[in-house]
Amino acid sequence: MAVGSVEREGDRVQCHLCERWFKSVTAHLSSHGWDHIAYREAFGLERGASLEGDATRKRRAALMRKRRVLDPAIREGVDRGIDMARSGLLAKAAAEAARGRPQPEQRRRKTLRTLAEIGPEARAEGRRRQGTEQLKRTAAEAAARLGYGSIGALVRDRVEAGASLAAISREAGLHKDWLTRKLAIVDGEAADFATRADRRWDTPWLPVLAELGFSDVADYLTDRHIVRHETVWAIAAETGFSRKTVESALARHGLARRPHVRKRNALRQRADAIADRFGFADIAAYLAHRRAAGWSWQAIAAEADQPQTWIRRRAREAGL
């Protein structure tokens, strides 16, 4: 007989131990010196799996219904069980009792059959719902760490004080972009409030940016800091705002501040010019080719007309 299943034939059930057929294997197990709990565990059966034939099981159920009517103790016990089932306490108790216990083979097979019947769209929806619940738990825990009853209350309080979502995320022990990306999922009203507040903080910028040909703060900051590699100090000087105001605007619009941006851009242009001069895609390809050809660092530096320390530093950055 297969482990994890009960073989039935009419009103009889087959015993896994002796392969004989009985109306009730439960009553038969004592002849083997077994009880029904050990039997179910040994053969991968669920604890509630019936070990009786259908007719026998129906007769027992009918008898129990009569006893429920006539016996107050049984009636009280059944009613208590029904109340526990409706309240969810029975399911919780069952889950607690099953914790740490291997899943029976019979239950595993049922689970696999059930999962196989679930369509891909339903699975995707289930994963989305589970992910949303996890995000809400994470948000609630983050708010509780700072003494707030909800993530919405935390965001409103901090935003009104002038904090960005990135700053709030870091304060709450989350990734700096967590609230920017997830707040609309866990609390749409708080996300709308933060968006309106962001626009309010952008208001002083608009007249200044209009003179520079921009209508949006994010577009201006992207152009100056990301595209043109202007420093925070240069942006502050151009707009007349303080360095802190510029840094807050960058954070508010999800733009990472780039320290030494001009120097880094100049360095990149310098490396690209050397690679282009000798027909390579980038400085890493140039250095790798020369080293593979047996060139020394001194020879490469002489050819590139750069200090040897500069060449070695680029090589380390490229992992050579």
Protein backbone atom coordinates (compact mmCIF):
# COMPACT_ATOMS: atom_id res chain seq x y z
CA MET A 1 0.00 0.00 0.00
CA ALA A 2 1.11 3.53 -0.73
CA VAL A 3 2.19 5.74 2.13
CA GLY A 4 -0.02 8.80 2.49
CA SER A 5 -3.26 7.22 1.31
CA VAL A 6 -6.08 5.04 2.62
CA GLU A 7 -7.25 2.22 0.36
CA ARG A 8 -11.03 1.76 0.37
CA GLU A 9 -13.22 -0.84 -1.24
CA GLY A 10 -16.92 -0.43 -0.63
CA ASP A 11 -17.45 -0.38 3.12
CA ARG A 12 -14.01 -1.75 3.94
CA VAL A 13 -10.58 -0.22 4.53
CA GLN A 14 -7.24 -1.96 4.05
CA CYS A 15 -4.75 -2.19 6.89
CA HIS A 16 -1.23 -1.04 5.98
CA LEU A 17 0.31 -3.53 8.40
CA CYS A 18 -1.27 -6.80 7.29
CA GLU A 19 -3.03 -5.69 4.08
CA ARG A 20 -6.30 -7.27 5.21
CA TRP A 21 -9.64 -5.50 4.81
CA PHE A 22 -11.83 -4.30 7.70
CA LYS A 23 -14.86 -2.16 8.30
CA SER A 24 -12.79 -0.32 10.92
CA VAL A 25 -9.01 -0.41 10.93
CA THR A 26 -9.10 1.62 14.15
CA ALA A 27 -10.68 -1.27 16.02
CA HIS A 28 -8.29 -3.75 14.37
CA LEU A 29 -5.04 -1.97 15.29
CA SER A 30 -4.96 -3.34 18.83
CA SER A 31 -4.26 -6.80 17.37
CA HIS A 32 -0.95 -5.39 16.09
CA GLY A 33 -0.22 -3.59 19.34
CA TRP A 34 -0.64 -0.20 17.64
CA ASP A 35 -2.86 2.79 18.34
CA HIS A 36 -4.41 5.06 15.71
CA ILE A 37 -2.03 7.98 16.41
CA ALA A 38 1.14 5.95 15.83
CA TYR A 39 -0.47 4.27 12.81
CA ARG A 40 -1.31 7.57 11.14
CA GLU A 41 2.15 9.00 11.79
CA ALA A 42 3.89 5.85 10.51
CA PHE A 43 1.98 5.79 7.23
CA GLY A 44 1.83 9.52 6.50
CA LEU A 45 -1.87 9.98 7.23
CA GLU A 46 -3.51 13.10 8.58
CA ARG A 47 -4.58 12.91 12.20
CA GLY A 48 -8.20 13.36 11.18
CA ALA A 49 -8.07 10.80 8.37
CA SER A 50 -10.87 8.25 8.68
CA LEU A 51 -9.81 4.62 9.13
CA GLU A 52 -13.33 3.27 8.69
CA GLY A 53 -15.49 2.36 5.73
CA ASP A 54 -18.07 4.86 4.52
CA ALA A 55 -21.08 2.96 5.87
CA THR A 56 -19.46 2.49 9.27
CA ARG A 57 -18.51 6.15 9.41
CA LYS A 58 -22.06 7.21 8.55
CA ARG A 59 -23.51 4.96 11.25
CA ARG A 60 -21.16 6.45 13.83
CA ALA A 61 -22.09 9.98 12.72
CA ALA A 62 -25.81 9.21 13.02
CA LEU A 63 -25.26 7.74 16.48
CA MET A 64 -23.28 10.81 17.55
CA ARG A 65 -26.09 13.10 16.38
CA LYS A 66 -28.54 11.19 18.57
CA ARG A 67 -26.18 11.31 21.54
CA ARG A 68 -25.75 15.03 21.04
CA VAL A 69 -29.49 15.46 21.48
CA LEU A 70 -29.75 13.17 24.48
CA ASP A 71 -26.44 13.72 26.30
CA PRO A 72 -25.93 17.26 27.74
CA ALA A 73 -22.17 16.76 28.16
CA ILE A 74 -21.69 15.84 24.50
CA ARG A 75 -23.98 18.65 23.41
CA GLU A 76 -21.99 21.15 25.46
CA GLY A 77 -18.69 19.88 24.05
CA VAL A 78 -19.90 20.00 20.45
CA ASP A 79 -21.31 23.50 20.89
CA ARG A 80 -18.03 24.67 22.38
CA GLY A 81 -16.16 23.21 19.43
CA ILE A 82 -18.48 24.96 16.97
CA ASP A 83 -17.93 28.29 18.74
CA MET A 84 -14.16 27.80 18.63
CA ALA A 85 -14.32 26.97 14.92
CA ARG A 86 -16.37 30.07 14.13
CA SER A 87 -14.07 32.35 16.13
CA GLY A 88 -10.91 30.93 14.56
CA LEU A 89 -9.56 29.66 17.88
CA LEU A 90 -9.80 26.06 16.73
CA ALA A 91 -7.70 26.75 13.63
CA LYS A 92 -5.11 28.59 15.74
CA ALA A 93 -4.96 25.74 18.24
CA ALA A 94 -4.52 23.24 15.41
CA ALA A 95 -1.73 25.31 13.86
CA GLU A 96 0.01 25.59 17.23
CA ALA A 97 -0.26 21.85 17.80
CA ALA A 98 1.14 21.13 14.33
CA ARG A 99 4.09 23.49 14.69
CA GLY A 100 7.35 21.60 14.41
CA ARG A 101 5.60 18.40 13.35
CA PRO A 102 6.41 16.99 9.89
CA GLN A 103 3.61 17.40 7.39
CA PRO A 104 1.92 14.04 6.71
CA GLU A 105 2.34 12.68 3.21
CA GLN A 106 -1.43 12.63 2.79
CA ARG A 107 -1.66 16.35 3.57
CA ARG A 108 1.30 17.10 1.30
CA ARG A 109 -0.42 15.39 -1.62
CA LYS A 110 -3.65 17.26 -0.98
CA THR A 111 -1.74 20.53 -0.89
CA LEU A 112 -0.02 19.78 -4.19
CA ARG A 113 -3.33 18.86 -5.84
CA THR A 114 -4.93 22.06 -4.58
CA LEU A 115 -2.02 24.18 -5.78
CA ALA A 116 -2.13 22.51 -9.19
CA GLU A 117 -5.77 23.59 -9.56
CA ILE A 118 -4.98 27.25 -8.86
CA GLY A 119 -4.51 29.30 -12.03
CA PRO A 120 -1.50 31.59 -12.60
CA GLU A 121 -3.61 34.74 -12.24
CA ALA A 122 -4.97 33.62 -8.88
CA ARG A 123 -1.46 32.76 -7.71
CA ALA A 124 -0.16 36.15 -8.78
CA GLU A 125 -3.03 37.87 -6.98
CA GLY A 126 -2.32 35.85 -3.86
CA ARG A 127 1.33 36.82 -3.95
CA ARG A 128 0.41 40.48 -4.41
CA ARG A 129 -2.00 40.34 -1.50
CA GLN A 130 0.58 38.61 0.67
CA GLY A 131 3.19 41.19 -0.31
CA THR A 132 0.85 44.05 0.54
CA GLU A 133 0.13 42.59 3.96
CA GLN A 134 3.85 42.25 4.61
CA LEU A 135 4.42 45.87 3.61
CA LYS A 136 1.66 47.00 5.97
CA ARG A 137 3.21 45.03 8.83
CA THR A 138 6.61 46.56 8.11
CA ALA A 139 5.10 50.06 8.05
CA ALA A 140 3.22 49.51 11.31
CA GLU A 141 6.36 48.21 13.04
CA ALA A 142 8.41 51.18 11.78
CA ALA A 143 5.80 53.65 13.04
CA ALA A 144 5.57 51.88 16.41
CA ARG A 145 9.33 52.13 16.89
CA LEU A 146 8.96 55.91 16.82
CA GLY A 147 5.89 55.94 19.04
CA TYR A 148 3.19 56.38 16.37
CA GLY A 149 0.03 54.37 15.95
CA SER A 150 0.28 54.24 12.16
CA ILE A 151 2.64 55.05 9.34
CA GLY A 152 0.22 57.74 8.17
CA ALA A 153 0.46 59.58 11.49
CA LEU A 154 4.25 59.42 11.37
CA VAL A 155 4.45 60.71 7.80
CA ARG A 156 2.04 63.59 8.41
CA ASP A 157 3.88 64.72 11.52
CA ARG A 158 7.32 64.59 9.96
CA VAL A 159 6.32 66.07 6.60
CA GLU A 160 4.67 69.03 8.32
CA ALA A 161 7.99 69.58 10.10
CA GLY A 162 9.72 69.73 6.71
CA ALA A 163 11.22 66.24 6.54
CA SER A 164 11.44 64.38 3.25
CA LEU A 165 10.16 60.85 2.76
CA ALA A 166 13.76 59.69 2.45
CA ALA A 167 14.62 61.26 5.81
CA ILE A 168 11.54 59.71 7.43
CA SER A 169 12.46 56.31 6.00
CA ARG A 170 15.95 56.49 7.44
CA GLU A 171 14.65 57.65 10.81
CA ALA A 172 12.24 54.71 10.91
CA GLY A 173 15.02 52.24 10.16
CA LEU A 174 13.90 51.58 6.58
CA HIS A 175 15.69 51.92 3.26
CA LYS A 176 15.81 55.58 2.28
CA ASP A 177 13.53 54.96 -0.73
CA TRP A 178 11.06 52.72 1.12
CA LEU A 179 8.36 55.32 1.76
CA THR A 180 8.80 56.91 -1.66
CA ARG A 181 8.09 53.56 -3.29
CA LYS A 182 5.70 51.88 -0.85
CA LEU A 183 3.70 54.57 0.95
CA ALA A 184 1.00 54.70 -1.74
CA ILE A 185 0.47 50.96 -1.25
CA VAL A 186 0.22 50.95 2.54
CA ASP A 187 -1.50 54.32 3.07
CA GLY A 188 -2.80 56.16 0.02
CA GLU A 189 -4.05 59.17 1.99
CA ALA A 190 -0.65 59.71 3.61
CA ALA A 191 1.00 59.41 0.20
CA ASP A 192 -1.33 62.09 -1.21
CA PHE A 193 -0.58 64.32 1.75
CA ALA A 194 3.17 63.90 1.26
CA THR A 195 2.82 64.68 -2.45
CA ARG A 196 0.90 67.88 -1.75
CA ALA A 197 3.47 68.86 0.86
CA ASP A 198 6.28 68.27 -1.62
CA ARG A 199 4.65 70.71 -4.01
CA ARG A 200 4.25 73.21 -1.20
CA TRP A 201 7.97 73.08 -0.45
CA ASP A 202 8.69 73.56 -4.15
CA THR A 203 6.66 76.78 -4.35
CA PRO A 204 9.56 79.17 -3.49
CA TRP A 205 11.62 77.60 -6.26
CA LEU A 206 9.18 78.20 -9.10
CA PRO A 207 9.75 81.95 -9.73
CA VAL A 208 13.51 81.44 -9.69
CA LEU A 209 13.38 78.45 -12.03
CA ALA A 210 11.03 80.23 -14.41
CA GLU A 211 13.79 82.76 -15.09
CA LEU A 212 16.13 79.86 -15.85
CA GLY A 213 13.68 78.24 -18.25
CA PHE A 214 12.34 75.48 -15.99
CA SER A 215 8.83 74.87 -14.70
CA ASP A 216 9.61 71.88 -12.47
CA VAL A 217 12.10 71.54 -9.62
CA ALA A 218 12.89 67.90 -10.37
CA ASP A 219 13.68 68.69 -14.01
CA TYR A 220 15.96 71.54 -13.01
CA LEU A 221 17.87 69.53 -10.41
CA THR A 222 18.23 66.60 -12.79
CA ASP A 223 19.62 68.87 -15.49
CA ARG A 224 22.07 70.66 -13.24
CA HIS A 225 23.24 67.92 -10.88
CA ILE A 226 22.83 64.71 -12.87
CA VAL A 227 23.33 65.83 -16.47
CA ARG A 228 25.64 68.84 -16.16
CA HIS A 229 27.37 67.59 -13.00
CA GLU A 230 26.95 70.87 -11.15
CA THR A 231 27.76 70.75 -7.45
CA VAL A 232 25.25 71.51 -4.71
CA TRP A 233 27.14 74.72 -3.97
CA ALA A 234 26.93 75.77 -7.63
CA ILE A 235 23.18 75.14 -7.71
CA ALA A 236 22.77 77.07 -4.47
CA ALA A 237 24.71 80.01 -5.92
CA GLU A 238 22.66 80.00 -9.12
CA THR A 239 19.27 79.86 -7.37
CA GLY A 240 20.05 81.92 -4.29
CA PHE A 241 18.99 79.15 -1.91
CA SER A 242 21.12 77.66 0.85
CA ARG A 243 23.07 74.45 0.47
CA LYS A 244 20.69 72.70 2.90
CA THR A 245 17.69 73.81 0.86
CA VAL A 246 19.22 72.36 -2.29
CA GLU A 247 20.09 69.11 -0.52
CA SER A 248 16.53 68.85 0.83
CA ALA A 249 15.12 69.40 -2.65
CA LEU A 250 17.34 66.68 -4.07
CA ALA A 251 16.21 64.24 -1.39
CA ARG A 252 12.57 65.26 -1.76
CA HIS A 253 12.64 64.45 -5.46
CA GLY A 254 14.53 61.20 -5.03
CA LEU A 255 17.79 62.45 -6.55
CA ALA A 256 20.90 61.14 -4.86
CA ARG A 257 23.49 63.75 -4.05
CA ARG A 258 26.78 63.09 -5.79
CA PRO A 259 29.81 64.30 -3.82
CA HIS A 260 32.69 65.74 -5.86
CA VAL A 261 30.50 65.47 -8.93
CA ARG A 262 32.61 67.83 -11.04
CA LYS A 263 35.85 66.06 -10.23
CA ARG A 264 34.34 62.67 -10.92
CA ASN A 265 32.93 63.83 -14.23
CA ALA A 266 36.27 65.33 -15.23
CA LEU A 267 37.99 62.09 -14.25
CA ARG A 268 35.56 60.06 -16.34
CA GLN A 269 36.05 62.34 -19.35
CA ARG A 270 39.82 62.07 -18.96
CA ALA A 271 39.66 58.26 -18.90
CA ASP A 272 37.27 58.15 -21.86
CA ALA A 273 39.57 60.41 -23.88
CA ILE A 274 42.52 58.06 -23.36
CA ALA A 275 40.48 55.00 -24.32
CA ASP A 276 39.11 56.77 -27.39
CA ARG A 277 42.57 57.90 -28.47
CA PHE A 278 43.76 54.29 -28.70
CA GLY A 279 40.52 52.83 -30.08
CA PHE A 280 39.06 51.17 -26.99
CA ALA A 281 35.53 51.27 -25.59
CA ASP A 282 36.69 52.36 -22.14
CA ILE A 283 39.75 52.70 -19.95
CA ALA A 284 39.31 49.21 -18.51
CA ALA A 285 39.50 47.62 -21.96
CA TYR A 286 42.58 49.67 -22.81
CA LEU A 287 44.43 48.70 -19.63
CA ALA A 288 43.43 45.04 -19.90
CA HIS A 289 44.72 44.88 -23.48
CA ARG A 290 48.05 46.49 -22.65
CA ARG A 291 48.64 44.31 -19.58
CA ALA A 292 47.76 41.17 -21.54
CA ALA A 293 50.37 42.22 -24.11
CA GLY A 294 52.99 42.34 -21.35
CA TRP A 295 53.26 46.09 -20.95
CA SER A 296 54.52 47.45 -17.64
CA TRP A 297 52.63 50.12 -15.72
CA GLN A 298 55.42 52.54 -16.51
CA ALA A 299 55.11 51.89 -20.26
CA ILE A 300 51.33 52.29 -20.17
CA ALA A 301 51.65 55.54 -18.21
CA ALA A 302 54.16 56.86 -20.73
CA GLU A 303 51.92 56.00 -23.68
CA ALA A 304 48.82 57.52 -22.05
CA ASP A 305 50.83 60.53 -20.86
CA GLN A 306 49.43 60.11 -17.35
CA PRO A 307 51.03 59.58 -13.93
CA GLN A 308 51.67 55.94 -13.14
CA THR A 309 49.68 56.27 -9.90
CA TRP A 310 46.67 57.49 -11.89
CA ILE A 311 46.92 54.52 -14.25
CA ARG A 312 47.20 52.04 -11.37
CA ARG A 313 44.20 53.58 -9.63
CA ARG A 314 42.07 53.18 -12.76
CA ALA A 315 43.24 49.58 -12.99
CA ARG A 316 42.18 48.86 -9.42
CA GLU A 317 38.78 50.40 -10.10
CA ALA A 318 38.44 48.09 -13.11
CA GLY A 319 39.45 45.06 -11.04
CA LEU A 320 42.72 44.48 -12.91
